[in-house]
Amino acid sequence: MLLIIGYALLLPFWVISVQLCFYALNLKAEQKQQNCQAIGIIFTTLGVVSLVSHDIAFTTSGLVLIMLGLRMMAIGLDRIDKSTFIDRYKND
């Protein structure tokens, strides 16, 4: 029963995390790069910190946050030190 309550309390946090990812991915050029890097670092840090807890709900959310954080950092590092961004002129 406590496990279900733990997941129910973590569900809004997961939804907010995914919404932040989608927000950063929909930005353009330099803003996308900066926000993806920042969100990736924050998510990875929170994921590692939540692995300290030996509760299955927090450990699972920590693994999910680490995966999201590494994905966001990889997207942010994709175009580092380059002057031309592919998505700069789309739908302007």
PDB file of N, CA and C in Angstrom:
ATOM      1  N   MET A   1       0.825  -1.200   0.000  1.00  0.00           N
ATOM      2  CA  MET A   1       0.000   0.000   0.000  1.00  0.00           C
ATOM      3  C   MET A   1       0.864   1.258   0.000  1.00  0.00           C
ATOM      4  N   LEU A   2       1.950   1.227   0.793  1.00  0.00           N
ATOM      5  CA  LEU A   2       2.834   2.390   0.834  1.00  0.00           C
ATOM      6  C   LEU A   2       3.523   2.627  -0.506  1.00  0.00           C
ATOM      7  N   LEU A   3       3.784   1.539  -1.247  1.00  0.00           N
ATOM      8  CA  LEU A   3       4.400   1.683  -2.556  1.00  0.00           C
ATOM      9  C   LEU A   3       3.475   2.421  -3.524  1.00  0.00           C
ATOM     10  N   ILE A   4       2.203   2.111  -3.491  1.00  0.00           N
ATOM     11  CA  ILE A   4       1.232   2.782  -4.361  1.00  0.00           C
ATOM     12  C   ILE A   4       1.122   4.259  -3.991  1.00  0.00           C
ATOM     13  N   ILE A   5       1.127   4.553  -2.712  1.00  0.00           N
ATOM     14  CA  ILE A   5       1.077   5.953  -2.274  1.00  0.00           C
ATOM     15  C   ILE A   5       2.340   6.696  -2.702  1.00  0.00           C
ATOM     16  N   GLY A   6       3.494   6.030  -2.614  1.00  0.00           N
ATOM     17  CA  GLY A   6       4.745   6.653  -3.050  1.00  0.00           C
ATOM     18  C   GLY A   6       4.734   6.984  -4.528  1.00  0.00           C
ATOM     19  N   TYR A   7       4.258   6.051  -5.351  1.00  0.00           N
ATOM     20  CA  TYR A   7       4.165   6.320  -6.785  1.00  0.00           C
ATOM     21  C   TYR A   7       3.128   7.400  -7.087  1.00  0.00           C
ATOM     22  N   ALA A   8       2.047   7.427  -6.353  1.00  0.00           N
ATOM     23  CA  ALA A   8       1.027   8.455  -6.567  1.00  0.00           C
ATOM     24  C   ALA A   8       1.564   9.844  -6.228  1.00  0.00           C
ATOM     25  N   LEU A   9       2.424   9.926  -5.231  1.00  0.00           N
ATOM     26  CA  LEU A   9       3.018  11.214  -4.877  1.00  0.00           C
ATOM     27  C   LEU A   9       4.107  11.633  -5.863  1.00  0.00           C
ATOM     28  N   LEU A  10       4.781  10.670  -6.476  1.00  0.00           N
ATOM     29  CA  LEU A  10       5.837  10.983  -7.437  1.00  0.00           C
ATOM     30  C   LEU A  10       5.313  11.248  -8.840  1.00  0.00           C
ATOM     31  N   LEU A  11       4.101  10.843  -9.128  1.00  0.00           N
ATOM     32  CA  LEU A  11       3.538  11.010 -10.461  1.00  0.00           C
ATOM     33  C   LEU A  11       3.499  12.471 -10.927  1.00  0.00           C
ATOM     34  N   PRO A  12       3.044  13.436 -10.115  1.00  0.00           N
ATOM     35  CA  PRO A  12       3.081  14.835 -10.574  1.00  0.00           C
ATOM     36  C   PRO A  12       4.503  15.328 -10.840  1.00  0.00           C
ATOM     37  N   PHE A  13       5.473  14.859 -10.070  1.00  0.00           N
ATOM     38  CA  PHE A  13       6.869  15.240 -10.299  1.00  0.00           C
ATOM     39  C   PHE A  13       7.357  14.715 -11.649  1.00  0.00           C
ATOM     40  N   TRP A  14       6.992  13.483 -11.995  1.00  0.00           N
ATOM     41  CA  TRP A  14       7.374  12.936 -13.292  1.00  0.00           C
ATOM     42  C   TRP A  14       6.727  13.707 -14.440  1.00  0.00           C
ATOM     43  N   VAL A  15       5.476  14.099 -14.273  1.00  0.00           N
ATOM     44  CA  VAL A  15       4.781  14.854 -15.319  1.00  0.00           C
ATOM     45  C   VAL A  15       5.452  16.212 -15.522  1.00  0.00           C
ATOM     46  N   ILE A  16       5.806  16.882 -14.444  1.00  0.00           N
ATOM     47  CA  ILE A  16       6.488  18.178 -14.552  1.00  0.00           C
ATOM     48  C   ILE A  16       7.848  18.010 -15.213  1.00  0.00           C
ATOM     49  N   SER A  17       8.550  16.940 -14.895  1.00  0.00           N
ATOM     50  CA  SER A  17       9.861  16.687 -15.493  1.00  0.00           C
ATOM     51  C   SER A  17       9.752  16.485 -17.002  1.00  0.00           C
ATOM     52  N   VAL A  18       8.782  15.705 -17.429  1.00  0.00           N
ATOM     53  CA  VAL A  18       8.606  15.466 -18.858  1.00  0.00           C
ATOM     54  C   VAL A  18       8.170  16.750 -19.567  1.00  0.00           C
ATOM     55  N   GLN A  19       7.333  17.556 -18.928  1.00  0.00           N
ATOM     56  CA  GLN A  19       6.921  18.826 -19.527  1.00  0.00           C
ATOM     57  C   GLN A  19       8.107  19.774 -19.692  1.00  0.00           C
ATOM     58  N   LEU A  20       9.025  19.791 -18.727  1.00  0.00           N
ATOM     59  CA  LEU A  20      10.236  20.603 -18.860  1.00  0.00           C
ATOM     60  C   LEU A  20      11.093  20.123 -20.029  1.00  0.00           C
ATOM     61  N   CYS A  21      11.164  18.808 -20.223  1.00  0.00           N
ATOM     62  CA  CYS A  21      11.915  18.264 -21.359  1.00  0.00           C
ATOM     63  C   CYS A  21      11.306  18.711 -22.680  1.00  0.00           C
ATOM     64  N   PHE A  22       9.983  18.587 -22.804  1.00  0.00           N
ATOM     65  CA  PHE A  22       9.328  19.000 -24.041  1.00  0.00           C
ATOM     66  C   PHE A  22       9.460  20.499 -24.272  1.00  0.00           C
ATOM     67  N   TYR A  23       9.434  21.284 -23.206  1.00  0.00           N
ATOM     68  CA  TYR A  23       9.614  22.732 -23.348  1.00  0.00           C
ATOM     69  C   TYR A  23      10.995  23.044 -23.909  1.00  0.00           C
ATOM     70  N   ALA A  24      12.024  22.411 -23.353  1.00  0.00           N
ATOM     71  CA  ALA A  24      13.383  22.679 -23.812  1.00  0.00           C
ATOM     72  C   ALA A  24      13.597  22.187 -25.238  1.00  0.00           C
ATOM     73  N   LEU A  25      12.967  21.091 -25.613  1.00  0.00           N
ATOM     74  CA  LEU A  25      13.146  20.558 -26.960  1.00  0.00           C
ATOM     75  C   LEU A  25      12.439  21.392 -28.019  1.00  0.00           C
ATOM     76  N   ASN A  26      11.455  22.184 -27.637  1.00  0.00           N
ATOM     77  CA  ASN A  26      10.730  23.002 -28.602  1.00  0.00           C
ATOM     78  C   ASN A  26      11.319  24.390 -28.778  1.00  0.00           C
ATOM     79  N   LEU A  27      12.379  24.715 -28.065  1.00  0.00           N
ATOM     80  CA  LEU A  27      13.038  26.000 -28.247  1.00  0.00           C
ATOM     81  C   LEU A  27      13.889  25.974 -29.505  1.00  0.00           C
ATOM     82  N   LYS A  28      14.427  27.102 -29.865  1.00  0.00           N
ATOM     83  CA  LYS A  28      15.219  27.225 -31.083  1.00  0.00           C
ATOM     84  C   LYS A  28      16.671  27.552 -30.755  1.00  0.00           C
ATOM     85  N   ALA A  29      17.567  27.015 -31.524  1.00  0.00           N
ATOM     86  CA  ALA A  29      18.989  27.329 -31.606  1.00  0.00           C
ATOM     87  C   ALA A  29      19.702  27.402 -30.259  1.00  0.00           C
ATOM     88  N   GLU A  30      20.256  28.596 -29.940  1.00  0.00           N
ATOM     89  CA  GLU A  30      21.080  28.739 -28.743  1.00  0.00           C
ATOM     90  C   GLU A  30      20.281  28.514 -27.462  1.00  0.00           C
ATOM     91  N   GLN A  31      19.024  28.940 -27.449  1.00  0.00           N
ATOM     92  CA  GLN A  31      18.190  28.734 -26.260  1.00  0.00           C
ATOM     93  C   GLN A  31      17.973  27.252 -26.006  1.00  0.00           C
ATOM     94  N   LYS A  32      17.774  26.482 -27.075  1.00  0.00           N
ATOM     95  CA  LYS A  32      17.593  25.043 -26.941  1.00  0.00           C
ATOM     96  C   LYS A  32      18.851  24.402 -26.360  1.00  0.00           C
ATOM     97  N   GLN A  33      19.999  24.811 -26.856  1.00  0.00           N
ATOM     98  CA  GLN A  33      21.262  24.249 -26.389  1.00  0.00           C
ATOM     99  C   GLN A  33      21.478  24.552 -24.913  1.00  0.00           C
ATOM    100  N   GLN A  34      21.273  25.793 -24.499  1.00  0.00           N
ATOM    101  CA  GLN A  34      21.504  26.181 -23.108  1.00  0.00           C
ATOM    102  C   GLN A  34      20.505  25.519 -22.168  1.00  0.00           C
ATOM    103  N   ASN A  35      19.233  25.523 -22.523  1.00  0.00           N
ATOM    104  CA  ASN A  35      18.217  24.936 -21.650  1.00  0.00           C
ATOM    105  C   ASN A  35      18.350  23.421 -21.548  1.00  0.00           C
ATOM    106  N   CYS A  36      18.673  22.757 -22.649  1.00  0.00           N
ATOM    107  CA  CYS A  36      18.849  21.308 -22.599  1.00  0.00           C
ATOM    108  C   CYS A  36      20.026  20.933 -21.702  1.00  0.00           C
ATOM    109  N   GLN A  37      21.105  21.694 -21.778  1.00  0.00           N
ATOM    110  CA  GLN A  37      22.251  21.406 -20.914  1.00  0.00           C
ATOM    111  C   GLN A  37      21.900  21.625 -19.450  1.00  0.00           C
ATOM    112  N   ALA A  38      21.238  22.724 -19.145  1.00  0.00           N
ATOM    113  CA  ALA A  38      20.896  23.032 -17.751  1.00  0.00           C
ATOM    114  C   ALA A  38      19.912  22.016 -17.176  1.00  0.00           C
ATOM    115  N   ILE A  39      18.868  21.698 -17.929  1.00  0.00           N
ATOM    116  CA  ILE A  39      17.883  20.736 -17.453  1.00  0.00           C
ATOM    117  C   ILE A  39      18.507  19.346 -17.323  1.00  0.00           C
ATOM    118  N   GLY A  40      19.382  18.996 -18.245  1.00  0.00           N
ATOM    119  CA  GLY A  40      20.059  17.703 -18.171  1.00  0.00           C
ATOM    120  C   GLY A  40      20.923  17.569 -16.927  1.00  0.00           C
ATOM    121  N   ILE A  41      21.648  18.610 -16.585  1.00  0.00           N
ATOM    122  CA  ILE A  41      22.481  18.579 -15.386  1.00  0.00           C
ATOM    123  C   ILE A  41      21.623  18.490 -14.129  1.00  0.00           C
ATOM    124  N   ILE A  42      20.542  19.243 -14.094  1.00  0.00           N
ATOM    125  CA  ILE A  42      19.655  19.221 -12.922  1.00  0.00           C
ATOM    126  C   ILE A  42      19.011  17.848 -12.757  1.00  0.00           C
ATOM    127  N   PHE A  43      18.498  17.272 -13.850  1.00  0.00           N
ATOM    128  CA  PHE A  43      17.838  15.964 -13.765  1.00  0.00           C
ATOM    129  C   PHE A  43      18.820  14.870 -13.368  1.00  0.00           C
ATOM    130  N   THR A  44      20.031  14.898 -13.922  1.00  0.00           N
ATOM    131  CA  THR A  44      21.018  13.876 -13.572  1.00  0.00           C
ATOM    132  C   THR A  44      21.419  13.984 -12.111  1.00  0.00           C
ATOM    133  N   THR A  45      21.584  15.206 -11.622  1.00  0.00           N
ATOM    134  CA  THR A  45      21.930  15.402 -10.214  1.00  0.00           C
ATOM    135  C   THR A  45      20.820  14.916  -9.298  1.00  0.00           C
ATOM    136  N   LEU A  46      19.582  15.282  -9.604  1.00  0.00           N
ATOM    137  CA  LEU A  46      18.456  14.820  -8.786  1.00  0.00           C
ATOM    138  C   LEU A  46      18.305  13.304  -8.839  1.00  0.00           C
ATOM    139  N   GLY A  47      18.578  12.705  -9.990  1.00  0.00           N
ATOM    140  CA  GLY A  47      18.492  11.259 -10.119  1.00  0.00           C
ATOM    141  C   GLY A  47      19.529  10.538  -9.275  1.00  0.00           C
ATOM    142  N   VAL A  48      20.752  11.042  -9.271  1.00  0.00           N
ATOM    143  CA  VAL A  48      21.800  10.422  -8.464  1.00  0.00           C
ATOM    144  C   VAL A  48      21.501  10.587  -6.980  1.00  0.00           C
ATOM    145  N   VAL A  49      21.002  11.750  -6.593  1.00  0.00           N
ATOM    146  CA  VAL A  49      20.664  11.980  -5.187  1.00  0.00           C
ATOM    147  C   VAL A  49      19.521  11.069  -4.751  1.00  0.00           C
ATOM    148  N   SER A  50      18.551  10.839  -5.623  1.00  0.00           N
ATOM    149  CA  SER A  50      17.420   9.996  -5.230  1.00  0.00           C
ATOM    150  C   SER A  50      17.796   8.514  -5.187  1.00  0.00           C
ATOM    151  N   LEU A  51      18.924   8.122  -5.775  1.00  0.00           N
ATOM    152  CA  LEU A  51      19.379   6.738  -5.673  1.00  0.00           C
ATOM    153  C   LEU A  51      19.889   6.403  -4.276  1.00  0.00           C
ATOM    154  N   VAL A  52      20.180   7.422  -3.478  1.00  0.00           N
ATOM    155  CA  VAL A  52      20.647   7.190  -2.114  1.00  0.00           C
ATOM    156  C   VAL A  52      19.554   6.523  -1.286  1.00  0.00           C
ATOM    157  N   SER A  53      18.320   6.888  -1.553  1.00  0.00           N
ATOM    158  CA  SER A  53      17.194   6.279  -0.841  1.00  0.00           C
ATOM    159  C   SER A  53      17.058   4.821  -1.269  1.00  0.00           C
ATOM    160  N   HIS A  54      16.758   3.960  -0.341  1.00  0.00           N
ATOM    161  CA  HIS A  54      16.615   2.547  -0.661  1.00  0.00           C
ATOM    162  C   HIS A  54      15.157   2.162  -0.884  1.00  0.00           C
ATOM    163  N   ASP A  55      14.304   3.154  -1.061  1.00  0.00           N
ATOM    164  CA  ASP A  55      12.895   2.904  -1.370  1.00  0.00           C
ATOM    165  C   ASP A  55      12.768   2.680  -2.870  1.00  0.00           C
ATOM    166  N   ILE A  56      11.983   1.700  -3.269  1.00  0.00           N
ATOM    167  CA  ILE A  56      11.859   1.332  -4.677  1.00  0.00           C
ATOM    168  C   ILE A  56      11.252   2.454  -5.515  1.00  0.00           C
ATOM    169  N   ALA A  57      10.350   3.235  -4.961  1.00  0.00           N
ATOM    170  CA  ALA A  57       9.725   4.324  -5.716  1.00  0.00           C
ATOM    171  C   ALA A  57      10.746   5.417  -6.030  1.00  0.00           C
ATOM    172  N   PHE A  58      11.552   5.803  -5.047  1.00  0.00           N
ATOM    173  CA  PHE A  58      12.549   6.841  -5.288  1.00  0.00           C
ATOM    174  C   PHE A  58      13.690   6.337  -6.168  1.00  0.00           C
ATOM    175  N   THR A  59      14.045   5.072  -6.032  1.00  0.00           N
ATOM    176  CA  THR A  59      15.092   4.510  -6.877  1.00  0.00           C
ATOM    177  C   THR A  59      14.650   4.468  -8.335  1.00  0.00           C
ATOM    178  N   THR A  60      13.405   4.078  -8.575  1.00  0.00           N
ATOM    179  CA  THR A  60      12.879   4.050  -9.934  1.00  0.00           C
ATOM    180  C   THR A  60      12.828   5.443 -10.532  1.00  0.00           C
ATOM    181  N   SER A  61      12.361   6.400  -9.757  1.00  0.00           N
ATOM    182  CA  SER A  61      12.312   7.768 -10.273  1.00  0.00           C
ATOM    183  C   SER A  61      13.714   8.311 -10.492  1.00  0.00           C
ATOM    184  N   GLY A  62      14.671   7.910  -9.681  1.00  0.00           N
ATOM    185  CA  GLY A  62      16.055   8.327  -9.878  1.00  0.00           C
ATOM    186  C   GLY A  62      16.626   7.804 -11.183  1.00  0.00           C
ATOM    187  N   LEU A  63      16.339   6.550 -11.505  1.00  0.00           N
ATOM    188  CA  LEU A  63      16.805   5.991 -12.772  1.00  0.00           C
ATOM    189  C   LEU A  63      16.164   6.694 -13.965  1.00  0.00           C
ATOM    190  N   VAL A  64      14.879   6.998 -13.850  1.00  0.00           N
ATOM    191  CA  VAL A  64      14.194   7.720 -14.923  1.00  0.00           C
ATOM    192  C   VAL A  64      14.791   9.118 -15.095  1.00  0.00           C
ATOM    193  N   LEU A  65      15.065   9.801 -13.992  1.00  0.00           N
ATOM    194  CA  LEU A  65      15.652  11.137 -14.071  1.00  0.00           C
ATOM    195  C   LEU A  65      17.058  11.107 -14.652  1.00  0.00           C
ATOM    196  N   ILE A  66      17.829  10.099 -14.312  1.00  0.00           N
ATOM    197  CA  ILE A  66      19.179   9.986 -14.881  1.00  0.00           C
ATOM    198  C   ILE A  66      19.096   9.786 -16.394  1.00  0.00           C
ATOM    199  N   MET A  67      18.178   8.929 -16.844  1.00  0.00           N
ATOM    200  CA  MET A  67      18.031   8.707 -18.291  1.00  0.00           C
ATOM    201  C   MET A  67      17.581   9.982 -19.005  1.00  0.00           C
ATOM    202  N   LEU A  68      16.598  10.692 -18.437  1.00  0.00           N
ATOM    203  CA  LEU A  68      16.152  11.945 -19.047  1.00  0.00           C
ATOM    204  C   LEU A  68      17.272  12.982 -19.051  1.00  0.00           C
ATOM    205  N   GLY A  69      18.023  13.054 -17.951  1.00  0.00           N
ATOM    206  CA  GLY A  69      19.109  14.025 -17.859  1.00  0.00           C
ATOM    207  C   GLY A  69      20.207  13.768 -18.866  1.00  0.00           C
ATOM    208  N   LEU A  70      20.600  12.513 -19.035  1.00  0.00           N
ATOM    209  CA  LEU A  70      21.638  12.194 -20.017  1.00  0.00           C
ATOM    210  C   LEU A  70      21.162  12.466 -21.436  1.00  0.00           C
ATOM    211  N   ARG A  71      19.889  12.202 -21.692  1.00  0.00           N
ATOM    212  CA  ARG A  71      19.332  12.493 -23.017  1.00  0.00           C
ATOM    213  C   ARG A  71      19.329  13.998 -23.291  1.00  0.00           C
ATOM    214  N   MET A  72      18.934  14.781 -22.293  1.00  0.00           N
ATOM    215  CA  MET A  72      18.901  16.231 -22.476  1.00  0.00           C
ATOM    216  C   MET A  72      20.318  16.805 -22.646  1.00  0.00           C
ATOM    217  N   MET A  73      21.276  16.284 -21.892  1.00  0.00           N
ATOM    218  CA  MET A  73      22.653  16.759 -22.064  1.00  0.00           C
ATOM    219  C   MET A  73      23.191  16.403 -23.440  1.00  0.00           C
ATOM    220  N   ALA A  74      22.865  15.233 -23.954  1.00  0.00           N
ATOM    221  CA  ALA A  74      23.319  14.838 -25.280  1.00  0.00           C
ATOM    222  C   ALA A  74      22.715  15.742 -26.358  1.00  0.00           C
ATOM    223  N   ILE A  75      21.456  16.090 -26.201  1.00  0.00           N
ATOM    224  CA  ILE A  75      20.828  17.005 -27.166  1.00  0.00           C
ATOM    225  C   ILE A  75      21.457  18.382 -27.072  1.00  0.00           C
ATOM    226  N   GLY A  76      21.767  18.840 -25.856  1.00  0.00           N
ATOM    227  CA  GLY A  76      22.380  20.152 -25.682  1.00  0.00           C
ATOM    228  C   GLY A  76      23.799  20.221 -26.206  1.00  0.00           C
ATOM    229  N   LEU A  77      24.524  19.108 -26.163  1.00  0.00           N
ATOM    230  CA  LEU A  77      25.900  19.091 -26.643  1.00  0.00           C
ATOM    231  C   LEU A  77      26.020  18.824 -28.131  1.00  0.00           C
ATOM    232  N   ASP A  78      24.906  18.580 -28.788  1.00  0.00           N
ATOM    233  CA  ASP A  78      24.924  18.216 -30.200  1.00  0.00           C
ATOM    234  C   ASP A  78      25.514  19.310 -31.072  1.00  0.00           C
ATOM    235  N   ARG A  79      25.169  20.545 -30.804  1.00  0.00           N
ATOM    236  CA  ARG A  79      25.595  21.647 -31.664  1.00  0.00           C
ATOM    237  C   ARG A  79      26.521  22.616 -30.954  1.00  0.00           C
ATOM    238  N   ILE A  80      27.277  22.171 -29.979  1.00  0.00           N
ATOM    239  CA  ILE A  80      28.123  23.089 -29.218  1.00  0.00           C
ATOM    240  C   ILE A  80      29.265  23.611 -30.103  1.00  0.00           C
ATOM    241  N   ASP A  81      29.597  24.862 -29.949  1.00  0.00           N
ATOM    242  CA  ASP A  81      30.672  25.556 -30.681  1.00  0.00           C
ATOM    243  C   ASP A  81      30.458  25.571 -32.190  1.00  0.00           C
ATOM    244  N   LYS A  82      29.225  25.578 -32.624  1.00  0.00           N
ATOM    245  CA  LYS A  82      28.944  25.682 -34.043  1.00  0.00           C
ATOM    246  C   LYS A  82      28.107  26.930 -34.257  1.00  0.00           C
ATOM    247  N   SER A  83      28.333  27.596 -35.352  1.00  0.00           N
ATOM    248  CA  SER A  83      27.648  28.865 -35.576  1.00  0.00           C
ATOM    249  C   SER A  83      26.323  28.693 -36.312  1.00  0.00           C
ATOM    250  N   THR A  84      26.134  27.620 -37.047  1.00  0.00           N
ATOM    251  CA  THR A  84      24.916  27.423 -37.812  1.00  0.00           C
ATOM    252  C   THR A  84      24.052  26.373 -37.130  1.00  0.00           C
ATOM    253  N   PHE A  85      22.829  26.743 -36.840  1.00  0.00           N
ATOM    254  CA  PHE A  85      21.879  25.821 -36.248  1.00  0.00           C
ATOM    255  C   PHE A  85      20.861  25.432 -37.301  1.00  0.00           C
ATOM    256  N   ILE A  86      20.556  24.168 -37.385  1.00  0.00           N
ATOM    257  CA  ILE A  86      19.663  23.663 -38.422  1.00  0.00           C
ATOM    258  C   ILE A  86      18.260  24.228 -38.267  1.00  0.00           C
ATOM    259  N   ASP A  87      17.789  24.340 -37.027  1.00  0.00           N
ATOM    260  CA  ASP A  87      16.408  24.759 -36.810  1.00  0.00           C
ATOM    261  C   ASP A  87      16.241  26.271 -36.675  1.00  0.00           C
ATOM    262  N   ARG A  88      17.256  27.053 -36.979  1.00  0.00           N
ATOM    263  CA  ARG A  88      17.186  28.496 -36.805  1.00  0.00           C
ATOM    264  C   ARG A  88      16.160  29.142 -37.735  1.00  0.00           C
ATOM    265  N   TYR A  89      16.074  28.692 -38.972  1.00  0.00           N
ATOM    266  CA  TYR A  89      15.235  29.356 -39.947  1.00  0.00           C
ATOM    267  C   TYR A  89      13.941  28.630 -40.229  1.00  0.00           C
ATOM    268  N   LYS A  90      13.623  27.620 -39.479  1.00  0.00           N
ATOM    269  CA  LYS A  90      12.356  26.923 -39.697  1.00  0.00           C
ATOM    270  C   LYS A  90      11.213  27.723 -39.075  1.00  0.00           C
ATOM    271  N   ASN A  91      10.169  27.916 -39.829  1.00  0.00           N
ATOM    272  CA  ASN A  91       8.933  28.563 -39.394  1.00  0.00           C
ATOM    273  C   ASN A  91       9.158  29.960 -38.806  1.00  0.00           C
ATOM    274  N   ASP A  92      10.051  30.709 -39.375  1.00  0.00           N
ATOM    275  CA  ASP A  92      10.265  32.101 -38.905  1.00  0.00           C
ATOM    276  C   ASP A  92       9.381  33.067 -39.640  1.00  0.00           C
TER     277      ASP A  92
END
